[in-house]
C-alpha cells in the first residue's frame, strides 16, 4: 500500500472506488452538520470525486489532498475547469475558484495548510487503508483538523476474508475504538448496499454495509 500502488491504480484506471455520481449519503446527511456557507471543507484522498463539486455547490470552499497527479488533472479536465497550478513546498497546489487540491502525500501536509477548514468529509480515505496502516491515517487526520471541526465519515463493512481490499472493511467497533480518542462519534445511518455493488456480489461477499458518521474533533 505504498505510493506506487496508488499510482499504478490510476495509471491503469483500476478505480472501482471512484463513483460517477455524488454519494447519496453525502446528499442526505451533509446538512446535518449545519455548517455555514463559505466554510472551507477538507477532503482527504479526494481522487477526482464529484462529491467536491457538490460541496462547492452548497456554497463551501473545498480543500482536497490527493496523491495522484493524474487523478487531480482528470478532475479539473472532466469538470472543464481552467486550473491554476503552483508549487506549495513538497506539494503542487491546483486551484479553480472555490476548489483547491494539494497534490502529493497527505502525510507531508501540515496543519497550517488546513487551518482554515471548519468541516471535513471522508468517503474514500479511511477505507483505503488496511487495518495495520489505519491508525496512522486517523492520527494524521486528527492532526490536520482543529478542535470543534465537524465532518462526515463514510465507511464500508463486510467480511474482510471474502475480498481483498481496497476498499477495506471498517467496522463500527473499529470506529468507536480507534477514533474516540480524537473525535466525538455519532453514527447517523447504516444500510445494506450489497445489491448496488456488483463487484462484491461477484466475489460472493455475503453482506455489505455502508455507514455514515458525524465526527467532531475534540
Protein backbone atom coordinates (compact mmCIF):
# COMPACT_ATOMS: atom_id res chain seq x y z
CA UNK A 1 0.00 0.00 0.00
CA UNK A 2 2.79 2.43 -0.89
CA UNK A 3 2.60 5.36 -3.30
CA UNK A 4 3.47 3.14 -6.27
CA UNK A 5 0.37 1.03 -5.60
CA UNK A 6 -1.97 4.00 -5.96
CA UNK A 7 -0.11 5.46 -8.93
CA UNK A 8 -0.47 2.07 -10.63
CA UNK A 9 -4.22 2.03 -9.93
CA UNK A 10 -4.70 5.44 -11.52
CA UNK A 11 -2.35 4.77 -14.43
CA UNK A 12 -4.30 1.61 -15.33
CA UNK A 13 -7.63 3.26 -14.46
CA UNK A 14 -8.44 0.49 -11.98
CA UNK A 15 -10.51 2.92 -9.97
CA UNK A 16 -13.59 1.00 -8.93
CA UNK A 17 -13.60 3.16 -5.78
CA UNK A 18 -14.49 6.20 -7.90
CA UNK A 19 -18.20 6.99 -8.12
CA UNK A 20 -19.68 8.51 -11.27
CA UNK A 21 -22.20 10.43 -9.18
CA UNK A 22 -22.36 12.23 -5.86
CA UNK A 23 -22.54 9.88 -2.87
CA UNK A 24 -26.21 9.67 -1.76
CA UNK A 25 -25.20 9.67 1.91
CA UNK A 26 -23.40 12.98 1.42
CA UNK A 27 -26.51 14.50 -0.15
CA UNK A 28 -28.73 13.13 2.61
CA UNK A 29 -26.64 13.95 5.66
CA UNK A 30 -24.38 16.89 4.87
CA UNK A 31 -26.92 19.44 6.07
CA UNK A 32 -26.94 17.76 9.49
CA UNK A 33 -23.56 19.39 10.18
CA UNK A 34 -25.18 22.85 9.88
CA UNK A 35 -22.00 24.44 8.52
CA UNK A 36 -22.33 27.99 7.29
CA UNK A 37 -21.91 28.82 3.58
CA UNK A 38 -18.35 29.84 2.88
CA UNK A 39 -16.93 27.28 5.31
CA UNK A 40 -13.82 25.54 4.00
CA UNK A 41 -14.12 21.75 3.83
CA UNK A 42 -11.16 19.37 3.90
CA UNK A 43 -11.47 16.27 1.69
CA UNK A 44 -8.58 13.81 2.27
CA UNK A 45 -7.59 11.39 -0.52
CA UNK A 46 -10.14 13.13 -2.71
CA UNK A 47 -9.27 11.50 -6.06
CA UNK A 48 -11.47 13.07 -8.71
CA UNK A 49 -14.62 12.74 -6.63
CA UNK A 50 -17.75 14.55 -7.75
CA UNK A 51 -18.51 14.98 -4.06
CA UNK A 52 -16.21 18.01 -4.21
CA UNK A 53 -18.42 19.71 -6.78
CA UNK A 54 -21.46 19.01 -4.59
CA UNK A 55 -19.78 20.64 -1.60
CA UNK A 56 -18.82 23.64 -3.72
CA UNK A 57 -22.43 23.91 -4.91
CA UNK A 58 -23.51 24.13 -1.26
CA UNK A 59 -21.50 27.35 -1.02
CA UNK A 60 -18.39 25.88 0.56
CA UNK A 61 -14.76 26.28 -0.27
CA UNK A 62 -13.20 22.85 -0.84
CA UNK A 63 -9.63 21.84 0.02
CA UNK A 64 -8.65 18.37 -1.16
CA UNK A 65 -5.48 16.34 -0.87
CA UNK A 66 -4.66 13.64 -3.42
CA UNK A 67 -1.51 11.64 -4.12
CA UNK A 68 -2.12 11.03 -7.81
CA UNK A 69 -1.36 13.89 -10.18
CA UNK A 70 -3.37 12.06 -12.85
CA UNK A 71 -6.45 12.00 -10.62
CA UNK A 72 -6.20 15.72 -9.91
CA UNK A 73 -5.68 16.58 -13.59
CA UNK A 74 -8.64 14.41 -14.59
CA UNK A 75 -10.88 16.09 -12.04
CA UNK A 76 -10.31 19.57 -13.42
CA UNK A 77 -10.34 18.37 -17.05
CA UNK A 78 -13.60 16.44 -16.65
CA UNK A 79 -15.25 19.35 -14.86
CA UNK A 80 -13.98 21.64 -17.65
CA UNK A 81 -12.34 23.96 -15.14
CA UNK A 82 -9.39 26.14 -16.07
CA UNK A 83 -6.99 25.38 -13.26
CA UNK A 84 -4.04 27.33 -11.89
CA UNK A 85 -1.10 25.17 -10.75
CA UNK A 86 1.58 26.40 -8.37
CA UNK A 87 4.29 24.95 -6.17
CA UNK A 88 3.43 24.62 -2.47
CA UNK A 89 6.53 23.14 -0.87
CA UNK A 90 6.56 19.40 -1.48
CA UNK A 91 3.06 19.60 -2.95
CA UNK A 92 1.57 21.12 -6.07
CA UNK A 93 -1.49 23.28 -5.50
CA UNK A 94 -4.27 23.12 -8.09
CA UNK A 95 -6.85 25.91 -7.81
CA UNK A 96 -10.05 27.00 -9.50
CA UNK A 97 -12.32 29.43 -7.69
CA UNK A 98 -13.72 27.60 -4.65
CA UNK A 99 -11.91 24.26 -5.22
CA UNK A 100 -8.25 23.72 -4.32
CA UNK A 101 -6.34 20.44 -4.21
CA UNK A 102 -2.92 19.75 -2.77
CA UNK A 103 -1.35 17.08 -4.96
CA UNK A 104 1.07 14.94 -3.01
CA UNK A 105 1.46 12.85 0.12
CA UNK A 106 -1.11 13.61 2.83
CA UNK A 107 1.48 12.72 5.47
CA UNK A 108 3.57 15.68 4.27
CA UNK A 109 0.61 18.07 4.67
CA UNK A 110 0.95 20.50 7.58
CA UNK A 111 -1.76 21.65 9.96
CA UNK A 112 -1.28 25.27 8.91
CA UNK A 113 -2.29 24.29 5.37
CA UNK A 114 -5.70 23.10 6.62
CA UNK A 115 -6.03 25.72 9.37
CA UNK A 116 -8.99 27.48 7.70
CA UNK A 117 -11.04 24.29 7.38
CA UNK A 118 -14.11 24.19 9.63
CA UNK A 119 -15.52 20.97 8.18
CA UNK A 120 -14.29 17.75 6.60
CA UNK A 121 -15.59 14.85 4.54
CA UNK A 122 -14.04 11.37 4.29
CA UNK A 123 -15.69 8.85 1.98
CA UNK A 124 -12.72 7.05 0.45
CA UNK A 125 -9.75 7.78 2.71
CA UNK A 126 -10.19 5.70 5.88
CA UNK A 127 -11.40 2.66 3.93
CA UNK A 128 -8.39 2.93 1.60
CA UNK A 129 -6.03 1.76 4.35
CA UNK A 130 -5.54 -1.83 5.56
CA UNK A 131 -6.05 -2.19 9.29
CA UNK A 132 -2.35 -2.13 10.13
CA UNK A 133 -1.98 1.32 8.49
CA UNK A 134 -5.32 2.82 9.51
CA UNK A 135 -4.34 4.16 12.92
CA UNK A 136 -1.58 6.23 11.34
CA UNK A 137 -4.03 7.83 8.95
CA UNK A 138 -6.52 8.51 11.76
CA UNK A 139 -3.82 10.29 13.78
CA UNK A 140 -2.82 12.35 10.75
CA UNK A 141 -6.42 13.38 10.09
CA UNK A 142 -6.78 14.44 13.72
CA UNK A 143 -3.55 16.44 13.43
CA UNK A 144 -4.93 18.33 10.41
CA UNK A 145 -8.35 19.08 11.95
CA UNK A 146 -8.85 21.79 14.57
CA UNK A 147 -10.87 21.11 17.74
CA UNK A 148 -14.57 21.73 17.20
CA UNK A 149 -14.42 20.89 13.49
CA UNK A 150 -17.31 18.66 12.36
CA UNK A 151 -17.32 16.24 9.45
CA UNK A 152 -18.87 13.20 7.85
CA UNK A 153 -17.14 9.83 7.67
CA UNK A 154 -18.47 7.14 5.31
CA UNK A 155 -17.33 3.54 5.81
CA UNK A 156 -17.91 0.10 4.32
CA UNK A 157 -18.02 -3.09 6.35
CA UNK A 158 -18.07 -6.69 5.12
CA UNK A 159 -16.31 -10.00 5.96
CA UNK A 160 -12.75 -8.95 5.11
CA UNK A 161 -11.66 -12.52 4.32
CA UNK A 162 -14.07 -12.65 1.37
CA UNK A 163 -12.46 -9.86 -0.64
CA UNK A 164 -9.03 -8.31 -0.88
CA UNK A 165 -9.27 -4.54 -0.44
CA UNK A 166 -9.21 -1.72 -1.10
CA UNK A 167 -11.78 -0.70 -0.08
CA UNK A 168 -11.11 -2.33 3.26
CA UNK A 169 -13.72 -3.29 5.83
CA UNK A 170 -14.11 -0.83 8.70
CA UNK A 171 -16.49 -1.96 11.43
CA UNK A 172 -18.49 0.17 13.82
CA UNK A 173 -16.44 -1.34 16.65
CA UNK A 174 -13.19 -0.20 14.96
CA UNK A 175 -14.51 3.34 14.56
CA UNK A 176 -15.56 3.52 18.21
CA UNK A 177 -12.32 2.00 19.49
CA UNK A 178 -9.80 3.87 17.36
CA UNK A 179 -11.35 7.26 16.67
CA UNK A 180 -12.87 8.04 20.07
CA UNK A 181 -9.57 9.43 21.37
CA UNK A 182 -9.74 12.30 18.90
CA UNK A 183 -13.38 12.62 17.85
CA UNK A 184 -16.89 12.65 19.26
CA UNK A 185 -18.72 10.00 17.24
CA UNK A 186 -22.34 9.62 16.24
CA UNK A 187 -23.49 7.02 13.72
CA UNK A 188 -26.19 8.62 11.58
CA UNK A 189 -27.04 5.69 9.32
CA UNK A 190 -26.05 2.13 8.42
CA UNK A 191 -27.60 0.39 5.43
CA UNK A 192 -27.17 -2.76 3.36
CA UNK A 193 -25.77 -1.80 -0.06
CA UNK A 194 -24.75 -5.22 -1.39
CA UNK A 195 -27.34 -5.13 -4.19
CA UNK A 196 -25.77 -1.91 -5.52
CA UNK A 197 -22.22 -3.32 -5.73
CA UNK A 198 -21.78 -5.99 -8.44
CA UNK A 199 -18.09 -6.49 -7.64
CA UNK A 200 -18.96 -7.69 -4.14
CA UNK A 201 -21.78 -9.88 -5.42
CA UNK A 202 -19.45 -11.47 -7.99
CA UNK A 203 -16.96 -12.30 -5.24
CA UNK A 204 -19.81 -13.87 -3.21
CA UNK A 205 -19.46 -11.41 -0.36
CA UNK A 206 -22.46 -12.29 1.85
CA UNK A 207 -23.19 -8.78 3.14
CA UNK A 208 -22.01 -5.21 2.68
CA UNK A 209 -22.94 -2.35 4.97
CA UNK A 210 -22.32 1.32 4.32
CA UNK A 211 -22.39 3.63 7.33
CA UNK A 212 -22.13 7.37 7.82
CA UNK A 213 -20.87 9.02 10.99
CA UNK A 214 -20.86 12.56 12.31
CA UNK A 215 -17.44 13.25 13.81
CA UNK A 216 -16.42 16.30 15.83
CA UNK A 217 -12.77 16.89 16.63
CA UNK A 218 -12.24 17.01 20.40
